[in-house]
C-alpha atoms as a PDB file:
ATOM      1  CA  MET A   1      -8.802  19.451 -11.239  1.00  0.00           C
ATOM      2  CA  ALA A   2      -7.787  15.950 -12.328  1.00  0.00           C
ATOM      3  CA  ILE A   3      -7.938  14.731  -8.722  1.00  0.00           C
ATOM      4  CA  ILE A   4     -10.889  14.103  -6.422  1.00  0.00           C
ATOM      5  CA  LEU A   5     -10.030  14.366  -2.722  1.00  0.00           C
ATOM      6  CA  GLU A   6     -12.483  13.056  -0.091  1.00  0.00           C
ATOM      7  CA  TRP A   7     -12.203  12.574   3.646  1.00  0.00           C
ATOM      8  CA  PHE A   8     -13.692   9.633   5.544  1.00  0.00           C
ATOM      9  CA  GLY A   9     -12.763  10.335   9.137  1.00  0.00           C
ATOM     10  CA  SER A  10      -8.949  10.268   9.181  1.00  0.00           C
ATOM     11  CA  VAL A  11      -8.767   8.446   5.830  1.00  0.00           C
ATOM     12  CA  CYS A  12      -7.957  10.745   2.919  1.00  0.00           C
ATOM     13  CA  LYS A  13      -9.108   9.219  -0.380  1.00  0.00           C
ATOM     14  CA  VAL A  14      -7.325  10.548  -3.466  1.00  0.00           C
ATOM     15  CA  VAL A  15      -8.811   9.587  -6.842  1.00  0.00           C
ATOM     16  CA  ILE A  16      -7.115  10.176 -10.189  1.00  0.00           C
ATOM     17  CA  ASP A  17     -10.072  11.357 -12.240  1.00  0.00           C
ATOM     18  CA  ARG A  18      -9.266  11.332 -15.945  1.00  0.00           C
ATOM     19  CA  PRO A  19     -11.370   8.390 -17.162  1.00  0.00           C
ATOM     20  CA  GLU A  20     -11.365   9.652 -20.758  1.00  0.00           C
ATOM     21  CA  LYS A  21      -7.557   9.235 -20.657  1.00  0.00           C
ATOM     22  CA  ARG A  22      -7.715   6.036 -18.599  1.00  0.00           C
ATOM     23  CA  ASN A  23      -6.266   8.169 -15.813  1.00  0.00           C
ATOM     24  CA  ALA A  24      -3.002   8.773 -17.633  1.00  0.00           C
ATOM     25  CA  VAL A  25      -1.111  11.489 -15.771  1.00  0.00           C
ATOM     26  CA  ASP A  26       0.093  14.754 -17.286  1.00  0.00           C
ATOM     27  CA  LEU A  27       1.972  17.556 -15.513  1.00  0.00           C
ATOM     28  CA  ALA A  28      -1.213  19.151 -14.223  1.00  0.00           C
ATOM     29  CA  THR A  29      -2.337  15.867 -12.706  1.00  0.00           C
ATOM     30  CA  LEU A  30       1.022  15.409 -11.000  1.00  0.00           C
ATOM     31  CA  LEU A  31       0.825  18.901  -9.536  1.00  0.00           C
ATOM     32  CA  ASP A  32      -2.660  18.098  -8.249  1.00  0.00           C
ATOM     33  CA  LEU A  33      -1.280  14.942  -6.632  1.00  0.00           C
ATOM     34  CA  ARG A  34       1.361  17.018  -4.866  1.00  0.00           C
ATOM     35  CA  GLN A  35      -1.362  19.293  -3.542  1.00  0.00           C
ATOM     36  CA  ALA A  36      -3.337  16.239  -2.413  1.00  0.00           C
ATOM     37  CA  GLN A  37      -0.337  14.960  -0.499  1.00  0.00           C
ATOM     38  CA  GLU A  38       0.055  18.322   1.204  1.00  0.00           C
ATOM     39  CA  SER A  39      -3.683  18.384   2.044  1.00  0.00           C
ATOM     40  CA  ALA A  40      -3.441  14.913   3.569  1.00  0.00           C
ATOM     41  CA  SER A  41      -0.491  16.005   5.690  1.00  0.00           C
ATOM     42  CA  ARG A  42      -2.120  19.240   6.829  1.00  0.00           C
ATOM     43  CA  GLY A  43      -5.388  17.436   7.593  1.00  0.00           C
ATOM     44  CA  GLY A  44      -3.691  14.877   9.802  1.00  0.00           C
ATOM     45  CA  ALA A  45      -4.560  11.880   7.652  1.00  0.00           C
ATOM     46  CA  ARG A  46      -3.714   8.532   9.199  1.00  0.00           C
ATOM     47  CA  VAL A  47      -4.196   6.734   5.872  1.00  0.00           C
ATOM     48  CA  LEU A  48      -4.016   8.051   2.329  1.00  0.00           C
ATOM     49  CA  LEU A  49      -5.912   5.822  -0.089  1.00  0.00           C
ATOM     50  CA  LEU A  50      -4.883   6.317  -3.730  1.00  0.00           C
ATOM     51  CA  THR A  51      -7.067   4.971  -6.527  1.00  0.00           C
ATOM     52  CA  GLY A  52      -8.422   5.856  -9.955  1.00  0.00           C
ATOM     53  CA  THR A  53     -11.816   6.388 -11.552  1.00  0.00           C
ATOM     54  CA  PRO A  54     -12.771   3.248 -13.557  1.00  0.00           C
ATOM     55  CA  PRO A  55     -11.759   1.748 -15.913  1.00  0.00           C
ATOM     56  CA  ALA A  56      -8.142   2.096 -14.755  1.00  0.00           C
ATOM     57  CA  PHE A  57      -5.927   2.873 -11.803  1.00  0.00           C
ATOM     58  CA  CYS A  58      -3.516   4.774 -14.044  1.00  0.00           C
ATOM     59  CA  SER A  59      -2.603   3.717 -17.576  1.00  0.00           C
ATOM     60  CA  GLY A  60       0.687   5.583 -17.518  1.00  0.00           C
ATOM     61  CA  ALA A  61       1.894   9.020 -18.540  1.00  0.00           C
ATOM     62  CA  ASP A  62      -0.093  11.121 -20.978  1.00  0.00           C
ATOM     63  CA  LEU A  63       2.334  10.885 -23.876  1.00  0.00           C
ATOM     64  CA  GLY A  64       1.231  14.231 -25.241  1.00  0.00           C
ATOM     65  CA  GLY A  65       3.215  15.944 -22.507  1.00  0.00           C
ATOM     66  CA  VAL A  66       5.980  13.604 -21.473  1.00  0.00           C
ATOM     67  CA  GLU A  67       9.538  14.843 -21.737  1.00  0.00           C
ATOM     68  CA  LEU A  68      12.600  15.148 -19.597  1.00  0.00           C
ATOM     69  CA  GLY A  69      12.525  18.177 -17.333  1.00  0.00           C
ATOM     70  CA  GLU A  70       9.555  19.466 -15.362  1.00  0.00           C
ATOM     71  CA  PHE A  71       7.350  16.409 -15.972  1.00  0.00           C
ATOM     72  CA  THR A  72       9.885  13.809 -14.857  1.00  0.00           C
ATOM     73  CA  GLU A  73      11.090  15.965 -11.975  1.00  0.00           C
ATOM     74  CA  THR A  74       7.528  16.436 -10.759  1.00  0.00           C
ATOM     75  CA  LEU A  75       6.759  12.742 -11.131  1.00  0.00           C
ATOM     76  CA  LEU A  76       9.754  11.895  -8.963  1.00  0.00           C
ATOM     77  CA  ALA A  77       8.664  14.491  -6.386  1.00  0.00           C
ATOM     78  CA  VAL A  78       5.215  12.874  -6.253  1.00  0.00           C
ATOM     79  CA  LEU A  79       6.719   9.378  -5.888  1.00  0.00           C
ATOM     80  CA  HIS A  80       8.987  10.527  -3.088  1.00  0.00           C
ATOM     81  CA  GLY A  81       6.109  12.490  -1.529  1.00  0.00           C
ATOM     82  CA  PHE A  82       4.204   9.336  -0.628  1.00  0.00           C
ATOM     83  CA  GLY A  83       7.244   8.073   1.250  1.00  0.00           C
ATOM     84  CA  ARG A  84       7.651  11.346   3.151  1.00  0.00           C
ATOM     85  CA  LEU A  85       4.106  11.335   4.461  1.00  0.00           C
ATOM     86  CA  ASP A  86       3.878  10.180   8.098  1.00  0.00           C
ATOM     87  CA  CYS A  87       0.721   8.196   7.427  1.00  0.00           C
ATOM     88  CA  VAL A  88       0.135   4.842   5.727  1.00  0.00           C
ATOM     89  CA  THR A  89      -0.310   5.164   1.966  1.00  0.00           C
ATOM     90  CA  LEU A  90      -2.440   2.493   0.298  1.00  0.00           C
ATOM     91  CA  ALA A  91      -2.877   2.008  -3.444  1.00  0.00           C
ATOM     92  CA  ALA A  92      -6.219   0.446  -4.436  1.00  0.00           C
ATOM     93  CA  VAL A  93      -5.828  -0.875  -7.981  1.00  0.00           C
ATOM     94  CA  ASP A  94      -8.758  -1.940 -10.152  1.00  0.00           C
ATOM     95  CA  GLY A  95      -7.661  -2.187 -13.775  1.00  0.00           C
ATOM     96  CA  PRO A  96      -4.378  -1.301 -15.493  1.00  0.00           C
ATOM     97  CA  ALA A  97      -1.522   0.257 -13.504  1.00  0.00           C
ATOM     98  CA  LEU A  98       1.060   0.682 -16.214  1.00  0.00           C
ATOM     99  CA  GLY A  99       4.156   2.849 -16.503  1.00  0.00           C
ATOM    100  CA  ALA A 100       3.554   5.788 -14.211  1.00  0.00           C
ATOM    101  CA  GLY A 101       0.642   3.827 -12.740  1.00  0.00           C
ATOM    102  CA  SER A 102       2.992   1.100 -11.543  1.00  0.00           C
ATOM    103  CA  GLN A 103       5.385   3.775 -10.303  1.00  0.00           C
ATOM    104  CA  LEU A 104       2.608   5.411  -8.271  1.00  0.00           C
ATOM    105  CA  ALA A 105       1.532   2.041  -6.847  1.00  0.00           C
ATOM    106  CA  ALA A 106       5.086   1.134  -5.978  1.00  0.00           C
ATOM    107  CA  SER A 107       5.590   4.400  -4.149  1.00  0.00           C
ATOM    108  CA  CYS A 108       2.751   3.591  -1.741  1.00  0.00           C
ATOM    109  CA  ASP A 109       3.378   1.572   1.397  1.00  0.00           C
ATOM    110  CA  LEU A 110       0.758  -1.068   0.657  1.00  0.00           C
ATOM    111  CA  ARG A 111      -1.148  -2.314  -2.380  1.00  0.00           C
ATOM    112  CA  ILE A 112      -4.532  -4.030  -2.799  1.00  0.00           C
ATOM    113  CA  ALA A 113      -5.775  -5.009  -6.233  1.00  0.00           C
ATOM    114  CA  THR A 114      -8.443  -6.935  -8.033  1.00  0.00           C
ATOM    115  CA  SER A 115      -7.060 -10.253  -9.237  1.00  0.00           C
ATOM    116  CA  LEU A 116      -6.949  -9.391 -12.954  1.00  0.00           C
ATOM    117  CA  SER A 117      -5.501  -5.904 -12.535  1.00  0.00           C
ATOM    118  CA  LYS A 118      -2.231  -5.487 -14.393  1.00  0.00           C
ATOM    119  CA  PHE A 119       1.092  -3.941 -13.404  1.00  0.00           C
ATOM    120  CA  GLY A 120       3.838  -3.251 -15.884  1.00  0.00           C
ATOM    121  CA  VAL A 121       6.460  -0.860 -17.183  1.00  0.00           C
ATOM    122  CA  PRO A 122       6.210  -0.797 -21.010  1.00  0.00           C
ATOM    123  CA  ALA A 123       8.878   1.910 -21.406  1.00  0.00           C
ATOM    124  CA  ALA A 124      10.874  -0.282 -23.830  1.00  0.00           C
ATOM    125  CA  ASN A 125       7.954  -0.101 -26.253  1.00  0.00           C
ATOM    126  CA  LEU A 126       8.314   3.669 -26.324  1.00  0.00           C
ATOM    127  CA  GLY A 127      12.086   4.098 -26.320  1.00  0.00           C
ATOM    128  CA  LEU A 128      11.999   5.650 -22.834  1.00  0.00           C
ATOM    129  CA  ALA A 129      13.682   4.675 -19.585  1.00  0.00           C
ATOM    130  CA  VAL A 130      12.503   5.060 -16.016  1.00  0.00           C
ATOM    131  CA  ASP A 131      14.640   6.535 -13.249  1.00  0.00           C
ATOM    132  CA  SER A 132      16.889   4.425 -11.023  1.00  0.00           C
ATOM    133  CA  TRP A 133      14.692   5.054  -7.987  1.00  0.00           C
ATOM    134  CA  THR A 134      11.806   3.348  -9.759  1.00  0.00           C
ATOM    135  CA  VAL A 135      13.966   0.388 -10.800  1.00  0.00           C
ATOM    136  CA  GLU A 136      15.182  -0.099  -7.223  1.00  0.00           C
ATOM    137  CA  ARG A 137      11.718   0.413  -5.702  1.00  0.00           C
ATOM    138  CA  ILE A 138      10.015  -2.093  -7.979  1.00  0.00           C
ATOM    139  CA  GLY A 139      12.897  -4.506  -7.459  1.00  0.00           C
ATOM    140  CA  ARG A 140      12.538  -4.266  -3.691  1.00  0.00           C
ATOM    141  CA  GLU A 141       8.732  -4.351  -3.628  1.00  0.00           C
ATOM    142  CA  ALA A 142       7.984  -6.875  -6.382  1.00  0.00           C
ATOM    143  CA  GLY A 143      11.178  -8.927  -6.210  1.00  0.00           C
ATOM    144  CA  TRP A 144      14.023  -8.697  -8.693  1.00  0.00           C
ATOM    145  CA  SER A 145      12.733 -11.511 -10.920  1.00  0.00           C
ATOM    146  CA  ALA A 146       9.361  -9.800 -11.393  1.00  0.00           C
ATOM    147  CA  ALA A 147      11.071  -6.436 -11.854  1.00  0.00           C
ATOM    148  CA  ARG A 148      13.305  -7.844 -14.594  1.00  0.00           C
ATOM    149  CA  TYR A 149      10.279  -9.327 -16.331  1.00  0.00           C
ATOM    150  CA  MET A 150       8.341  -6.052 -16.265  1.00  0.00           C
ATOM    151  CA  LEU A 151      11.269  -3.792 -17.165  1.00  0.00           C
ATOM    152  CA  LEU A 152      13.102  -5.945 -19.713  1.00  0.00           C
ATOM    153  CA  SER A 153      10.241  -7.704 -21.506  1.00  0.00           C
ATOM    154  CA  ALA A 154       7.882  -4.711 -21.282  1.00  0.00           C
ATOM    155  CA  GLN A 155       5.131  -7.214 -20.439  1.00  0.00           C
ATOM    156  CA  PRO A 156       2.589  -6.677 -17.638  1.00  0.00           C
ATOM    157  CA  MET A 157       1.911  -9.059 -14.753  1.00  0.00           C
ATOM    158  CA  LEU A 158      -1.452  -9.885 -13.193  1.00  0.00           C
ATOM    159  CA  ALA A 159      -2.073  -8.872  -9.574  1.00  0.00           C
ATOM    160  CA  GLN A 160      -2.931 -12.468  -8.699  1.00  0.00           C
ATOM    161  CA  ASP A 161       0.573 -13.516  -9.813  1.00  0.00           C
ATOM    162  CA  LEU A 162       2.130 -10.806  -7.612  1.00  0.00           C
ATOM    163  CA  LEU A 163       0.200 -11.664  -4.435  1.00  0.00           C
ATOM    164  CA  GLY A 164       2.476 -12.076  -1.470  1.00  0.00           C
ATOM    165  CA  GLY A 165       5.017  -9.685  -2.974  1.00  0.00           C
ATOM    166  CA  PHE A 166       4.133  -6.509  -4.776  1.00  0.00           C
ATOM    167  CA  VAL A 167       0.422  -7.031  -4.050  1.00  0.00           C
ATOM    168  CA  HIS A 168      -0.383  -7.410  -0.349  1.00  0.00           C
ATOM    169  CA  ARG A 169      -4.072  -8.268  -0.714  1.00  0.00           C
ATOM    170  CA  LEU A 170      -6.586  -9.039  -3.418  1.00  0.00           C
ATOM    171  CA  GLY A 171      -9.778  -7.004  -3.224  1.00  0.00           C
ATOM    172  CA  THR A 172     -11.895  -4.143  -4.487  1.00  0.00           C
ATOM    173  CA  VAL A 173     -11.706  -0.425  -3.750  1.00  0.00           C
ATOM    174  CA  ASP A 174     -14.404  -0.984  -1.142  1.00  0.00           C
ATOM    175  CA  ASP A 175     -12.199  -3.636   0.482  1.00  0.00           C
ATOM    176  CA  ALA A 176      -9.354  -1.143   0.403  1.00  0.00           C
ATOM    177  CA  MET A 177     -11.499   1.460   2.176  1.00  0.00           C
ATOM    178  CA  ALA A 178     -12.401  -1.057   4.879  1.00  0.00           C
ATOM    179  CA  TRP A 179      -8.720  -1.873   5.339  1.00  0.00           C
ATOM    180  CA  ALA A 180      -7.836   1.820   5.428  1.00  0.00           C
ATOM    181  CA  GLN A 181     -10.417   2.404   8.144  1.00  0.00           C
ATOM    182  CA  GLU A 182      -8.904  -0.447  10.166  1.00  0.00           C
ATOM    183  CA  MET A 183      -5.366   0.959   9.847  1.00  0.00           C
ATOM    184  CA  SER A 184      -6.573   4.469  10.733  1.00  0.00           C
ATOM    185  CA  GLN A 185      -7.156   3.134  14.255  1.00  0.00           C
ATOM    186  CA  LEU A 186      -3.509   2.173  14.728  1.00  0.00           C
ATOM    187  CA  ALA A 187      -1.053   4.343  16.713  1.00  0.00           C
ATOM    188  CA  PRO A 188       0.047   7.128  14.343  1.00  0.00           C
ATOM    189  CA  LEU A 189       3.373   7.758  16.088  1.00  0.00           C
ATOM    190  CA  THR A 190       4.273   4.101  15.732  1.00  0.00           C
ATOM    191  CA  ILE A 191       3.391   4.231  12.046  1.00  0.00           C
ATOM    192  CA  ARG A 192       5.524   7.365  11.657  1.00  0.00           C
ATOM    193  CA  ALA A 193       8.524   5.742  13.344  1.00  0.00           C
ATOM    194  CA  HIS A 194       8.268   2.484  11.418  1.00  0.00           C
ATOM    195  CA  LYS A 195       7.756   4.278   8.118  1.00  0.00           C
ATOM    196  CA  LYS A 196      10.827   6.466   8.608  1.00  0.00           C
ATOM    197  CA  ALA A 197      12.925   3.363   9.321  1.00  0.00           C
ATOM    198  CA  LEU A 198      11.545   1.539   6.274  1.00  0.00           C
ATOM    199  CA  GLU A 199      12.063   4.510   3.930  1.00  0.00           C
ATOM    200  CA  ARG A 200      15.586   5.019   5.203  1.00  0.00           C
ATOM    201  CA  LEU A 201      16.380   1.417   4.373  1.00  0.00           C
ATOM    202  CA  GLY A 202      14.806   1.996   0.968  1.00  0.00           C
ATOM    203  CA  GLY A 203      17.262   4.781   0.232  1.00  0.00           C
ATOM    204  CA  MET A 204      15.422   7.944   1.240  1.00  0.00           C
ATOM    205  CA  GLU A 205      17.536  10.673   2.783  1.00  0.00           C
ATOM    206  CA  ILE A 206      16.473  10.152   6.403  1.00  0.00           C
ATOM    207  CA  SER A 207      19.134  10.113   9.071  1.00  0.00           C
ATOM    208  CA  MET A 208      19.458   7.422  11.693  1.00  0.00           C
ATOM    209  CA  LYS A 209      19.086  10.194  14.264  1.00  0.00           C
ATOM    210  CA  GLU A 210      15.695  11.120  12.806  1.00  0.00           C
ATOM    211  CA  VAL A 211      14.590   7.487  12.872  1.00  0.00           C
ATOM    212  CA  GLU A 212      15.672   7.103  16.502  1.00  0.00           C
ATOM    213  CA  GLN A 213      13.943  10.319  17.531  1.00  0.00           C
ATOM    214  CA  ALA A 214      10.692   9.075  16.022  1.00  0.00           C
ATOM    215  CA  ARG A 215      11.073   5.739  17.798  1.00  0.00           C
ATOM    216  CA  LEU A 216      11.698   7.346  21.180  1.00  0.00           C
ATOM    217  CA  ALA A 217       8.794   9.764  20.640  1.00  0.00           C
ATOM    218  CA  ALA A 218       6.466   6.785  20.186  1.00  0.00           C
ATOM    219  CA  TRP A 219       7.717   5.107  23.371  1.00  0.00           C
ATOM    220  CA  ALA A 220       7.316   8.318  25.382  1.00  0.00           C
ATOM    221  CA  SER A 221       3.846   9.146  24.045  1.00  0.00           C
ATOM    222  CA  ASP A 222       0.463   9.152  25.753  1.00  0.00           C
ATOM    223  CA  ASP A 223      -0.524   6.643  23.074  1.00  0.00           C
ATOM    224  CA  ALA A 224       2.019   4.160  24.414  1.00  0.00           C
ATOM    225  CA  ALA A 225       0.424   4.385  27.849  1.00  0.00           C
ATOM    226  CA  GLU A 226      -3.033   4.104  26.289  1.00  0.00           C
ATOM    227  CA  GLY A 227      -2.017   1.028  24.337  1.00  0.00           C
ATOM    228  CA  ARG A 228      -0.752  -0.750  27.425  1.00  0.00           C
ATOM    229  CA  GLN A 229      -3.808   0.258  29.460  1.00  0.00           C
ATOM    230  CA  ALA A 230      -6.214  -0.858  26.730  1.00  0.00           C
ATOM    231  CA  PHE A 231      -4.389  -4.197  26.562  1.00  0.00           C
ATOM    232  CA  LEU A 232      -4.786  -4.736  30.321  1.00  0.00           C
ATOM    233  CA  GLU A 233      -8.461  -3.697  30.200  1.00  0.00           C
ATOM    234  CA  LYS A 234      -9.130  -5.883  27.102  1.00  0.00           C
ATOM    235  CA  ARG A 235     -10.595  -3.026  25.086  1.00  0.00           C
ATOM    236  CA  PRO A 236      -9.715  -1.325  21.795  1.00  0.00           C
ATOM    237  CA  PRO A 237      -7.193   1.509  22.280  1.00  0.00           C
ATOM    238  CA  ASN A 238      -8.058   5.085  21.461  1.00  0.00           C
ATOM    239  CA  PHE A 239      -4.924   6.579  19.920  1.00  0.00           C
ATOM    240  CA  THR A 240      -4.736  10.357  19.581  1.00  0.00           C
ATOM    241  CA  GLY A 241      -1.236  10.813  18.157  1.00  0.00           C
ATOM    242  CA  GLN A 242      -0.029  12.458  21.343  1.00  0.00           C
END
């Protein structure tokens, strides 16, 4: 297995564990990531934390096995898979996140990184081209100016220069875990409804009916009553996802 999966309460930590390859992903790693996503869903994760074994988050694709076909199709399935999860997905980046690494980070809902971590898409150095979903996602998440820089110059950008856009917070993997634990206490049905609405706006095939059903389910839930009661009683709410 090229993936380490650990549970910390309702936080599912997924670690790309190929340090000898600087966590470059091959087909087997992508298939392991798909299994990790399924495990997080089955286990009722409220937050999935994605990171890599030092010294990198993910240095890209393992060029020994990159070609059009099963690899690129599986990569796209993994990228879309993070969006289809009902829970928050958080990328914790410490080190390079290049090529497929930037794609994986972009596919997560939120990103925290050490200040000197690097994001970039050096495909033009290899004569390759990323898919249109990736171009649009990085454009939306990082801003079109930063996306043009990364895609057209093939140069990386530092996390500290992307703070407030692509990077939501600066911090370590430990900081990311603390943030994940905080978010795991939020109302899961609210997160599910908001995430469906966001992913629909981002181009995922989610109907407006599905978004509205998720919104109404949150309003009608026991958690909604608990949230209001906890507010009146000035105590932290205890959300159960019901």
